[in-house]
Amino acid sequence: MNRKIAVFSGGISPEREVSLVSGRCVAEALSKNFDVESIVLNKNEIPQSLDPKSCVIYPAMHGDYGEDGTLQGQLDAAGFAYAGCGALSSRVCMSKPAAKALMRFAGLPVARSVEFDALQKPCGIGEMFPSGAVLKPADKGSSVGMTVSKSAKDLEDSVKSLKSGFWMAEEFKTGRELSVGVIYGKAGGIVEIKPEGGVYDYTRKYTAGSTLYEFPAKMPTETELAIKSAAEKCFKVCGCRDFARIDFILTNAQECEFIILEVNTLPGMTPTSLLPKSASCIGYDFDTLCAKLMEGAFLRFDKKFHNAR
């Protein structure tokens, strides 16, 4: 039984353009060794022409639909094998408060935060975070809509300007921004992120040259091992499979103090993306990494259709 890879990209979300770049990069890499079809989704549904008995999916999707479990639920219902996290873990990790609750329960370090609907703003939020806070959508990725307030007044003003949506204000922590790719439960290298201006927002995340990266990041061995162990534990606690990316703030390298910011279940695969950088530290070039990320989906496909290889 032949199996073709369909690489999904696009969709209707604020991160459509980034998804298109990820999709092109992944499709180009996989096509060197596999039969690949690149499919740009112009609406949030699976093309009816695809057959789950002959097609395995790589969802190079970001943001709403692709990462919130909706696409994964559709793929499960239609019988497709696909790369990446399943529907439940995708839903959990896209909801930052839910993911943080799991991490906190597991004893992993997270920042103090409060969640609220823009139509029901909390009173006195500035008093909760007198030194300011990071304000971001509670259910979106790629730093879409994120702002950093360095004072209570700035935070109050930012919250007042919100018109709709579900938001999270998270205690502002200074430190080194780090990211760790986890591939089949094993942590890759630690990537340190050094954005111009100090804030790793949507623009700096996807604009080449606007952020410096160091990988593997330099830090005491004890701290490196602790962060990698926390990344692997977070991957497991949040029910992830195949691959994910875990983001950290290292507040004190010498004392091994850090917090986990969030889990990304479909990491970007663009030229500036973090997962390929992390994977390169453990020996994967981009083409090899893309093939590796398909292995879980191939196994599930073979098991489902009794096609031992």
C-alpha atoms as a PDB file:
ATOM      1  CA  MET A   1       0.000   0.000   0.000  1.00  0.00           C
ATOM      2  CA  ASN A   2       1.551   3.295  -1.089  1.00  0.00           C
ATOM      3  CA  ARG A   3       1.490   6.225   1.276  1.00  0.00           C
ATOM      4  CA  LYS A   4       1.744   9.798   0.117  1.00  0.00           C
ATOM      5  CA  ILE A   5       2.448  12.736   2.418  1.00  0.00           C
ATOM      6  CA  ALA A   6       0.067  15.672   2.190  1.00  0.00           C
ATOM      7  CA  VAL A   7       1.540  18.809   3.733  1.00  0.00           C
ATOM      8  CA  PHE A   8      -1.215  21.149   4.916  1.00  0.00           C
ATOM      9  CA  SER A   9      -0.624  24.879   5.232  1.00  0.00           C
ATOM     10  CA  GLY A  10      -2.681  28.056   5.208  1.00  0.00           C
ATOM     11  CA  GLY A  11      -6.077  27.893   6.835  1.00  0.00           C
ATOM     12  CA  ILE A  12      -8.005  30.853   8.178  1.00  0.00           C
ATOM     13  CA  SER A  13      -6.137  32.281  11.170  1.00  0.00           C
ATOM     14  CA  PRO A  14      -3.936  35.280  12.040  1.00  0.00           C
ATOM     15  CA  GLU A  15      -0.933  33.044  11.391  1.00  0.00           C
ATOM     16  CA  ARG A  16      -1.837  31.977   7.858  1.00  0.00           C
ATOM     17  CA  GLU A  17       1.168  33.644   6.212  1.00  0.00           C
ATOM     18  CA  VAL A  18       3.656  31.987   8.553  1.00  0.00           C
ATOM     19  CA  SER A  19       1.933  28.646   7.994  1.00  0.00           C
ATOM     20  CA  LEU A  20       2.372  29.029   4.241  1.00  0.00           C
ATOM     21  CA  VAL A  21       6.128  29.488   4.686  1.00  0.00           C
ATOM     22  CA  SER A  22       6.373  26.504   7.038  1.00  0.00           C
ATOM     23  CA  GLY A  23       4.395  24.393   4.584  1.00  0.00           C
ATOM     24  CA  ARG A  24       6.632  25.283   1.641  1.00  0.00           C
ATOM     25  CA  CYS A  25       9.796  24.510   3.619  1.00  0.00           C
ATOM     26  CA  VAL A  26       8.524  21.162   4.920  1.00  0.00           C
ATOM     27  CA  ALA A  27       7.119  20.064   1.559  1.00  0.00           C
ATOM     28  CA  GLU A  28      10.370  20.898  -0.211  1.00  0.00           C
ATOM     29  CA  ALA A  29      12.420  18.952   2.342  1.00  0.00           C
ATOM     30  CA  LEU A  30      10.160  15.885   2.390  1.00  0.00           C
ATOM     31  CA  SER A  31       9.861  15.757  -1.408  1.00  0.00           C
ATOM     32  CA  LYS A  32      13.526  14.773  -1.615  1.00  0.00           C
ATOM     33  CA  ASN A  33      12.688  11.352  -0.170  1.00  0.00           C
ATOM     34  CA  PHE A  34       8.906  10.928  -0.329  1.00  0.00           C
ATOM     35  CA  ASP A  35       5.919  11.379  -2.590  1.00  0.00           C
ATOM     36  CA  VAL A  36       4.588  14.736  -1.372  1.00  0.00           C
ATOM     37  CA  GLU A  37       1.592  16.885  -2.197  1.00  0.00           C
ATOM     38  CA  SER A  38       1.519  20.435  -0.858  1.00  0.00           C
ATOM     39  CA  ILE A  39      -2.047  21.516  -0.049  1.00  0.00           C
ATOM     40  CA  VAL A  40      -2.942  25.104   0.818  1.00  0.00           C
ATOM     41  CA  LEU A  41      -6.170  25.221   2.809  1.00  0.00           C
ATOM     42  CA  ASN A  42      -8.347  28.203   1.971  1.00  0.00           C
ATOM     43  CA  LYS A  43     -11.009  27.175   4.440  1.00  0.00           C
ATOM     44  CA  ASN A  44     -10.812  25.317   7.707  1.00  0.00           C
ATOM     45  CA  GLU A  45     -11.687  21.846   6.551  1.00  0.00           C
ATOM     46  CA  ILE A  46      -9.992  18.765   5.125  1.00  0.00           C
ATOM     47  CA  PRO A  47     -10.145  18.380   1.317  1.00  0.00           C
ATOM     48  CA  GLN A  48     -12.636  15.644   0.485  1.00  0.00           C
ATOM     49  CA  SER A  49     -10.420  14.317  -2.303  1.00  0.00           C
ATOM     50  CA  LEU A  50      -7.881  12.862   0.147  1.00  0.00           C
ATOM     51  CA  ASP A  51      -7.985   9.171   1.054  1.00  0.00           C
ATOM     52  CA  PRO A  52      -6.808   8.162   4.562  1.00  0.00           C
ATOM     53  CA  LYS A  53      -5.793   4.750   3.227  1.00  0.00           C
ATOM     54  CA  SER A  54      -3.135   6.242   0.986  1.00  0.00           C
ATOM     55  CA  CYS A  55      -2.286   9.594   2.550  1.00  0.00           C
ATOM     56  CA  VAL A  56      -0.430  10.650   5.706  1.00  0.00           C
ATOM     57  CA  ILE A  57      -0.725  14.281   6.840  1.00  0.00           C
ATOM     58  CA  TYR A  58       1.907  16.741   8.000  1.00  0.00           C
ATOM     59  CA  PRO A  59      -0.080  19.721   9.339  1.00  0.00           C
ATOM     60  CA  ALA A  60       2.212  22.735   8.958  1.00  0.00           C
ATOM     61  CA  MET A  61      -0.559  24.784  10.510  1.00  0.00           C
ATOM     62  CA  HIS A  62      -0.294  27.573  13.068  1.00  0.00           C
ATOM     63  CA  GLY A  63      -2.838  29.393  15.200  1.00  0.00           C
ATOM     64  CA  ASP A  64      -6.584  28.828  15.249  1.00  0.00           C
ATOM     65  CA  TYR A  65      -7.886  25.603  13.709  1.00  0.00           C
ATOM     66  CA  GLY A  66      -4.443  24.080  13.153  1.00  0.00           C
ATOM     67  CA  GLU A  67      -3.216  24.160  16.737  1.00  0.00           C
ATOM     68  CA  ASP A  68      -6.374  24.251  18.855  1.00  0.00           C
ATOM     69  CA  GLY A  69      -7.300  20.610  18.225  1.00  0.00           C
ATOM     70  CA  THR A  70     -10.006  21.296  15.635  1.00  0.00           C
ATOM     71  CA  LEU A  71      -7.994  20.037  12.657  1.00  0.00           C
ATOM     72  CA  GLN A  72      -6.719  17.068  14.643  1.00  0.00           C
ATOM     73  CA  GLY A  73     -10.278  16.148  15.606  1.00  0.00           C
ATOM     74  CA  GLN A  74     -11.331  16.305  11.962  1.00  0.00           C
ATOM     75  CA  LEU A  75      -8.383  14.132  10.928  1.00  0.00           C
ATOM     76  CA  ASP A  76      -9.169  11.579  13.651  1.00  0.00           C
ATOM     77  CA  ALA A  77     -12.824  11.430  12.640  1.00  0.00           C
ATOM     78  CA  ALA A  78     -11.878  10.926   8.983  1.00  0.00           C
ATOM     79  CA  GLY A  79      -9.374   8.170   9.828  1.00  0.00           C
ATOM     80  CA  PHE A  80      -6.145   9.932   8.834  1.00  0.00           C
ATOM     81  CA  ALA A  81      -2.741   9.293  10.349  1.00  0.00           C
ATOM     82  CA  TYR A  82      -0.960  12.595  10.923  1.00  0.00           C
ATOM     83  CA  ALA A  83       2.218  13.969  12.436  1.00  0.00           C
ATOM     84  CA  GLY A  84       2.267  15.831  15.718  1.00  0.00           C
ATOM     85  CA  CYS A  85       0.149  16.009  18.842  1.00  0.00           C
ATOM     86  CA  GLY A  86      -3.373  14.632  19.011  1.00  0.00           C
ATOM     87  CA  ALA A  87      -6.579  16.606  19.418  1.00  0.00           C
ATOM     88  CA  LEU A  88      -6.701  16.653  23.221  1.00  0.00           C
ATOM     89  CA  SER A  89      -3.118  17.732  23.856  1.00  0.00           C
ATOM     90  CA  SER A  90      -3.441  20.318  21.075  1.00  0.00           C
ATOM     91  CA  ARG A  91      -6.505  21.811  22.776  1.00  0.00           C
ATOM     92  CA  VAL A  92      -4.843  21.798  26.168  1.00  0.00           C
ATOM     93  CA  CYS A  93      -1.602  23.402  25.031  1.00  0.00           C
ATOM     94  CA  MET A  94      -3.334  26.057  22.931  1.00  0.00           C
ATOM     95  CA  SER A  95      -5.153  27.116  26.091  1.00  0.00           C
ATOM     96  CA  LYS A  96      -2.296  28.615  28.081  1.00  0.00           C
ATOM     97  CA  PRO A  97      -4.220  28.549  31.401  1.00  0.00           C
ATOM     98  CA  ALA A  98      -5.043  24.847  30.977  1.00  0.00           C
ATOM     99  CA  ALA A  99      -1.456  23.928  30.104  1.00  0.00           C
ATOM    100  CA  LYS A 100      -0.130  25.970  33.028  1.00  0.00           C
ATOM    101  CA  ALA A 101      -2.536  24.215  35.390  1.00  0.00           C
ATOM    102  CA  LEU A 102      -1.170  20.820  34.324  1.00  0.00           C
ATOM    103  CA  MET A 103       2.413  22.010  34.685  1.00  0.00           C
ATOM    104  CA  ARG A 104       1.765  23.497  38.099  1.00  0.00           C
ATOM    105  CA  PHE A 105       0.095  20.267  39.240  1.00  0.00           C
ATOM    106  CA  ALA A 106       3.168  18.336  38.076  1.00  0.00           C
ATOM    107  CA  GLY A 107       5.468  20.598  40.079  1.00  0.00           C
ATOM    108  CA  LEU A 108       6.905  22.435  37.091  1.00  0.00           C
ATOM    109  CA  PRO A 109       7.735  26.133  37.591  1.00  0.00           C
ATOM    110  CA  VAL A 110       5.363  28.636  35.937  1.00  0.00           C
ATOM    111  CA  ALA A 111       4.786  32.369  36.384  1.00  0.00           C
ATOM    112  CA  ARG A 112       1.906  33.773  38.409  1.00  0.00           C
ATOM    113  CA  SER A 113      -0.956  34.807  36.117  1.00  0.00           C
ATOM    114  CA  VAL A 114      -4.607  35.756  35.879  1.00  0.00           C
ATOM    115  CA  GLU A 115      -7.014  34.987  33.026  1.00  0.00           C
ATOM    116  CA  PHE A 116     -10.058  37.003  32.028  1.00  0.00           C
ATOM    117  CA  ASP A 117     -12.544  37.793  29.283  1.00  0.00           C
ATOM    118  CA  ALA A 118     -12.111  41.213  27.697  1.00  0.00           C
ATOM    119  CA  LEU A 119     -15.790  41.899  28.392  1.00  0.00           C
ATOM    120  CA  GLN A 120     -15.314  41.154  32.096  1.00  0.00           C
ATOM    121  CA  LYS A 121     -12.061  42.863  32.980  1.00  0.00           C
ATOM    122  CA  PRO A 122     -10.713  42.281  36.505  1.00  0.00           C
ATOM    123  CA  CYS A 123     -10.623  45.247  38.844  1.00  0.00           C
ATOM    124  CA  GLY A 124      -7.278  46.356  40.211  1.00  0.00           C
ATOM    125  CA  ILE A 125      -5.151  44.232  37.914  1.00  0.00           C
ATOM    126  CA  GLY A 126      -2.334  46.740  38.285  1.00  0.00           C
ATOM    127  CA  GLU A 127      -2.228  45.991  42.007  1.00  0.00           C
ATOM    128  CA  MET A 128      -1.845  42.286  41.233  1.00  0.00           C
ATOM    129  CA  PHE A 129       1.228  42.998  39.090  1.00  0.00           C
ATOM    130  CA  PRO A 130       2.834  46.196  40.442  1.00  0.00           C
ATOM    131  CA  SER A 131       5.953  45.675  38.315  1.00  0.00           C
ATOM    132  CA  GLY A 132       3.958  45.095  35.153  1.00  0.00           C
ATOM    133  CA  ALA A 133       3.020  41.987  33.239  1.00  0.00           C
ATOM    134  CA  VAL A 134       3.006  40.288  29.870  1.00  0.00           C
ATOM    135  CA  LEU A 135      -0.466  40.546  28.368  1.00  0.00           C
ATOM    136  CA  LYS A 136      -1.315  37.998  25.691  1.00  0.00           C
ATOM    137  CA  PRO A 137      -4.261  36.093  24.244  1.00  0.00           C
ATOM    138  CA  ALA A 138      -4.864  32.995  26.338  1.00  0.00           C
ATOM    139  CA  ASP A 139      -5.683  30.814  23.339  1.00  0.00           C
ATOM    140  CA  LYS A 140      -3.430  31.873  20.453  1.00  0.00           C
ATOM    141  CA  GLY A 141       0.193  31.309  19.498  1.00  0.00           C
ATOM    142  CA  SER A 142       3.190  33.024  17.893  1.00  0.00           C
ATOM    143  CA  SER A 143       2.982  36.030  20.245  1.00  0.00           C
ATOM    144  CA  VAL A 144      -0.048  37.348  18.326  1.00  0.00           C
ATOM    145  CA  GLY A 145      -1.372  40.369  20.209  1.00  0.00           C
ATOM    146  CA  MET A 146       1.256  40.152  22.949  1.00  0.00           C
ATOM    147  CA  THR A 147       2.245  43.337  24.796  1.00  0.00           C
ATOM    148  CA  VAL A 148       4.659  43.908  27.660  1.00  0.00           C
ATOM    149  CA  SER A 149       3.768  46.404  30.378  1.00  0.00           C
ATOM    150  CA  LYS A 150       6.610  47.467  32.669  1.00  0.00           C
ATOM    151  CA  SER A 151       4.410  49.197  35.242  1.00  0.00           C
ATOM    152  CA  ALA A 152       1.025  48.821  36.898  1.00  0.00           C
ATOM    153  CA  LYS A 153      -0.337  51.876  35.063  1.00  0.00           C
ATOM    154  CA  ASP A 154       0.787  50.598  31.653  1.00  0.00           C
ATOM    155  CA  LEU A 155      -0.889  47.280  32.411  1.00  0.00           C
ATOM    156  CA  GLU A 156      -4.133  48.958  33.449  1.00  0.00           C
ATOM    157  CA  ASP A 157      -4.127  51.005  30.240  1.00  0.00           C
ATOM    158  CA  SER A 158      -3.430  47.941  28.081  1.00  0.00           C
ATOM    159  CA  VAL A 159      -6.234  45.963  29.697  1.00  0.00           C
ATOM    160  CA  LYS A 160      -8.687  48.853  29.256  1.00  0.00           C
ATOM    161  CA  SER A 161      -7.961  48.904  25.503  1.00  0.00           C
ATOM    162  CA  LEU A 162      -9.002  45.261  25.025  1.00  0.00           C
ATOM    163  CA  LYS A 163     -12.318  44.897  23.182  1.00  0.00           C
ATOM    164  CA  SER A 164     -12.814  41.149  22.856  1.00  0.00           C
ATOM    165  CA  GLY A 165     -11.241  37.755  23.433  1.00  0.00           C
ATOM    166  CA  PHE A 166      -9.879  35.688  26.289  1.00  0.00           C
ATOM    167  CA  TRP A 167      -6.659  37.079  27.780  1.00  0.00           C
ATOM    168  CA  MET A 168      -3.941  36.255  30.263  1.00  0.00           C
ATOM    169  CA  ALA A 169      -1.825  38.671  32.275  1.00  0.00           C
ATOM    170  CA  GLU A 170       1.354  36.934  33.373  1.00  0.00           C
ATOM    171  CA  GLU A 171       3.891  38.235  35.863  1.00  0.00           C
ATOM    172  CA  PHE A 172       6.766  39.889  34.002  1.00  0.00           C
ATOM    173  CA  LYS A 173       9.992  37.981  34.586  1.00  0.00           C
ATOM    174  CA  THR A 174      13.354  39.230  33.440  1.00  0.00           C
ATOM    175  CA  GLY A 175      15.900  36.704  32.266  1.00  0.00           C
ATOM    176  CA  ARG A 176      17.202  34.814  29.287  1.00  0.00           C
ATOM    177  CA  GLU A 177      14.603  33.593  26.783  1.00  0.00           C
ATOM    178  CA  LEU A 178      15.106  29.956  25.869  1.00  0.00           C
ATOM    179  CA  SER A 179      13.376  27.339  23.756  1.00  0.00           C
ATOM    180  CA  VAL A 180      13.785  23.562  23.649  1.00  0.00           C
ATOM    181  CA  GLY A 181      12.506  21.228  20.969  1.00  0.00           C
ATOM    182  CA  VAL A 182      11.309  17.830  22.196  1.00  0.00           C
ATOM    183  CA  ILE A 183      11.308  15.033  19.616  1.00  0.00           C
ATOM    184  CA  TYR A 184       9.639  11.751  20.625  1.00  0.00           C
ATOM    185  CA  GLY A 185      10.109  12.653  24.279  1.00  0.00           C
ATOM    186  CA  LYS A 186      13.813  13.550  23.971  1.00  0.00           C
ATOM    187  CA  ALA A 187      14.963  17.147  24.437  1.00  0.00           C
ATOM    188  CA  GLY A 188      17.082  18.749  21.755  1.00  0.00           C
ATOM    189  CA  GLY A 189      19.514  21.570  22.292  1.00  0.00           C
ATOM    190  CA  ILE A 190      18.616  24.741  24.179  1.00  0.00           C
ATOM    191  CA  VAL A 191      18.201  27.785  21.944  1.00  0.00           C
ATOM    192  CA  GLU A 192      18.734  31.222  23.467  1.00  0.00           C
ATOM    193  CA  ILE A 193      16.688  34.009  21.900  1.00  0.00           C
ATOM    194  CA  LYS A 194      18.124  37.534  21.845  1.00  0.00           C
ATOM    195  CA  PRO A 195      15.609  39.871  20.169  1.00  0.00           C
ATOM    196  CA  GLU A 196      16.452  43.449  19.256  1.00  0.00           C
ATOM    197  CA  GLY A 197      14.645  45.704  21.699  1.00  0.00           C
ATOM    198  CA  GLY A 198      14.325  42.899  24.243  1.00  0.00           C
ATOM    199  CA  VAL A 199      10.824  41.665  23.345  1.00  0.00           C
ATOM    200  CA  TYR A 200      10.352  38.517  21.256  1.00  0.00           C
ATOM    201  CA  ASP A 201       7.084  39.572  19.644  1.00  0.00           C
ATOM    202  CA  TYR A 202       5.429  38.397  16.420  1.00  0.00           C
ATOM    203  CA  THR A 203       7.498  40.696  14.177  1.00  0.00           C
ATOM    204  CA  ARG A 204      10.851  39.765  15.686  1.00  0.00           C
ATOM    205  CA  LYS A 205       9.894  36.099  15.682  1.00  0.00           C
ATOM    206  CA  TYR A 206       9.400  35.964  11.915  1.00  0.00           C
ATOM    207  CA  THR A 207      11.604  38.765  10.542  1.00  0.00           C
ATOM    208  CA  ALA A 208      15.041  37.515   9.529  1.00  0.00           C
ATOM    209  CA  GLY A 209      17.852  39.459  11.179  1.00  0.00           C
ATOM    210  CA  SER A 210      15.735  41.026  13.921  1.00  0.00           C
ATOM    211  CA  THR A 211      16.698  38.419  16.519  1.00  0.00           C
ATOM    212  CA  LEU A 212      19.985  36.737  17.392  1.00  0.00           C
ATOM    213  CA  TYR A 213      20.017  33.072  18.348  1.00  0.00           C
ATOM    214  CA  GLU A 214      22.627  31.065  20.206  1.00  0.00           C
ATOM    215  CA  PHE A 215      22.394  27.302  20.022  1.00  0.00           C
ATOM    216  CA  PRO A 216      23.316  25.465  22.041  1.00  0.00           C
ATOM    217  CA  ALA A 217      22.969  28.180  24.657  1.00  0.00           C
ATOM    218  CA  LYS A 218      25.835  28.607  27.109  1.00  0.00           C
ATOM    219  CA  MET A 219      25.006  27.877  30.746  1.00  0.00           C
ATOM    220  CA  PRO A 220      26.166  25.651  33.625  1.00  0.00           C
ATOM    221  CA  THR A 221      25.771  21.945  32.867  1.00  0.00           C
ATOM    222  CA  GLU A 222      23.489  21.467  35.885  1.00  0.00           C
ATOM    223  CA  THR A 223      21.145  24.177  34.618  1.00  0.00           C
ATOM    224  CA  GLU A 224      21.147  22.776  31.076  1.00  0.00           C
ATOM    225  CA  LEU A 225      20.222  19.314  32.307  1.00  0.00           C
ATOM    226  CA  ALA A 226      17.471  20.685  34.568  1.00  0.00           C
ATOM    227  CA  ILE A 227      15.881  22.657  31.730  1.00  0.00           C
ATOM    228  CA  LYS A 228      15.995  19.694  29.353  1.00  0.00           C
ATOM    229  CA  SER A 229      14.503  17.441  32.025  1.00  0.00           C
ATOM    230  CA  ALA A 230      11.710  19.973  32.640  1.00  0.00           C
ATOM    231  CA  ALA A 231      11.024  20.157  28.894  1.00  0.00           C
ATOM    232  CA  GLU A 232      10.690  16.372  28.651  1.00  0.00           C
ATOM    233  CA  LYS A 233       8.452  16.240  31.721  1.00  0.00           C
ATOM    234  CA  CYS A 234       6.279  19.037  30.350  1.00  0.00           C
ATOM    235  CA  PHE A 235       5.958  17.180  27.032  1.00  0.00           C
ATOM    236  CA  LYS A 236       4.731  14.105  28.891  1.00  0.00           C
ATOM    237  CA  VAL A 237       2.460  15.922  31.352  1.00  0.00           C
ATOM    238  CA  CYS A 238       0.690  17.805  28.558  1.00  0.00           C
ATOM    239  CA  GLY A 239       0.067  14.601  26.610  1.00  0.00           C
ATOM    240  CA  CYS A 240       2.210  15.574  23.636  1.00  0.00           C
ATOM    241  CA  ARG A 241       3.370  13.095  21.017  1.00  0.00           C
ATOM    242  CA  ASP A 242       5.933  13.109  18.187  1.00  0.00           C
ATOM    243  CA  PHE A 243       7.262  16.642  18.684  1.00  0.00           C
ATOM    244  CA  ALA A 244       6.670  19.965  20.399  1.00  0.00           C
ATOM    245  CA  ARG A 245       8.585  23.023  21.539  1.00  0.00           C
ATOM    246  CA  ILE A 246       8.780  24.267  25.126  1.00  0.00           C
ATOM    247  CA  ASP A 247       9.614  27.918  25.897  1.00  0.00           C
ATOM    248  CA  PHE A 248      11.373  29.090  29.071  1.00  0.00           C
ATOM    249  CA  ILE A 249      12.669  32.142  30.909  1.00  0.00           C
ATOM    250  CA  LEU A 250      15.928  31.505  32.742  1.00  0.00           C
ATOM    251  CA  THR A 251      15.871  33.967  35.641  1.00  0.00           C
ATOM    252  CA  ASN A 252      19.081  32.839  37.352  1.00  0.00           C
ATOM    253  CA  ALA A 253      21.465  30.515  35.535  1.00  0.00           C
ATOM    254  CA  GLN A 254      23.830  30.020  38.472  1.00  0.00           C
ATOM    255  CA  GLU A 255      21.023  29.082  40.853  1.00  0.00           C
ATOM    256  CA  CYS A 256      19.174  27.036  38.214  1.00  0.00           C
ATOM    257  CA  GLU A 257      16.009  29.136  38.480  1.00  0.00           C
ATOM    258  CA  PHE A 258      13.633  29.215  35.506  1.00  0.00           C
ATOM    259  CA  ILE A 259       9.965  29.173  34.540  1.00  0.00           C
ATOM    260  CA  ILE A 260       8.119  27.504  31.678  1.00  0.00           C
ATOM    261  CA  LEU A 261       6.189  29.929  29.491  1.00  0.00           C
ATOM    262  CA  GLU A 262       4.225  27.679  27.137  1.00  0.00           C
ATOM    263  CA  VAL A 263       4.084  24.622  24.906  1.00  0.00           C
ATOM    264  CA  ASN A 264       3.850  24.857  21.119  1.00  0.00           C
ATOM    265  CA  THR A 265       2.424  21.663  19.619  1.00  0.00           C
ATOM    266  CA  LEU A 266       3.037  22.600  15.967  1.00  0.00           C
ATOM    267  CA  PRO A 267       6.281  24.561  16.015  1.00  0.00           C
ATOM    268  CA  GLY A 268       7.167  26.773  13.093  1.00  0.00           C
ATOM    269  CA  MET A 269       9.318  25.270  10.369  1.00  0.00           C
ATOM    270  CA  THR A 270      10.479  28.483   8.703  1.00  0.00           C
ATOM    271  CA  PRO A 271      14.099  29.600   8.128  1.00  0.00           C
ATOM    272  CA  THR A 272      13.987  31.509  11.450  1.00  0.00           C
ATOM    273  CA  SER A 273      12.131  28.854  13.449  1.00  0.00           C
ATOM    274  CA  LEU A 274      13.328  27.462  16.754  1.00  0.00           C
ATOM    275  CA  LEU A 275      12.624  23.716  16.495  1.00  0.00           C
ATOM    276  CA  PRO A 276      15.098  23.201  13.599  1.00  0.00           C
ATOM    277  CA  LYS A 277      17.740  25.127  15.574  1.00  0.00           C
ATOM    278  CA  SER A 278      17.179  22.970  18.651  1.00  0.00           C
ATOM    279  CA  ALA A 279      17.237  19.782  16.572  1.00  0.00           C
ATOM    280  CA  SER A 280      20.479  20.788  14.859  1.00  0.00           C
ATOM    281  CA  CYS A 281      22.199  20.585  18.261  1.00  0.00           C
ATOM    282  CA  ILE A 282      21.537  16.829  18.364  1.00  0.00           C
ATOM    283  CA  GLY A 283      22.547  16.114  14.783  1.00  0.00           C
ATOM    284  CA  TYR A 284      19.515  16.800  12.593  1.00  0.00           C
ATOM    285  CA  ASP A 285      19.774  18.945   9.490  1.00  0.00           C
ATOM    286  CA  PHE A 286      16.471  20.330   8.192  1.00  0.00           C
ATOM    287  CA  ASP A 287      15.777  17.541   5.689  1.00  0.00           C
ATOM    288  CA  THR A 288      16.554  14.798   8.211  1.00  0.00           C
ATOM    289  CA  LEU A 289      14.447  16.521  10.853  1.00  0.00           C
ATOM    290  CA  CYS A 290      11.390  16.701   8.590  1.00  0.00           C
ATOM    291  CA  ALA A 291      11.696  12.994   7.817  1.00  0.00           C
ATOM    292  CA  LYS A 292      12.100  12.212  11.522  1.00  0.00           C
ATOM    293  CA  LEU A 293       8.953  14.152  12.414  1.00  0.00           C
ATOM    294  CA  MET A 294       6.956  11.883  10.084  1.00  0.00           C
ATOM    295  CA  GLU A 295       8.019   8.617  11.732  1.00  0.00           C
ATOM    296  CA  GLY A 296       5.236   8.527  14.312  1.00  0.00           C
ATOM    297  CA  ALA A 297       2.582   9.175  11.690  1.00  0.00           C
ATOM    298  CA  PHE A 298       4.010   6.421   9.463  1.00  0.00           C
ATOM    299  CA  LEU A 299       3.897   3.945  12.349  1.00  0.00           C
ATOM    300  CA  ARG A 300       0.286   4.830  13.129  1.00  0.00           C
ATOM    301  CA  PHE A 301      -0.614   4.538   9.435  1.00  0.00           C
ATOM    302  CA  ASP A 302       1.058   1.130   9.118  1.00  0.00           C
ATOM    303  CA  LYS A 303      -0.581  -0.157  12.284  1.00  0.00           C
ATOM    304  CA  LYS A 304      -4.008   1.070  11.226  1.00  0.00           C
ATOM    305  CA  PHE A 305      -3.866  -0.500   7.805  1.00  0.00           C
ATOM    306  CA  HIS A 306      -1.895  -3.653   8.754  1.00  0.00           C
ATOM    307  CA  ASN A 307       0.953  -2.784   6.438  1.00  0.00           C
ATOM    308  CA  ALA A 308       4.075  -3.823   8.328  1.00  0.00           C
ATOM    309  CA  ARG A 309       7.199  -2.435   6.764  1.00  0.00           C
END
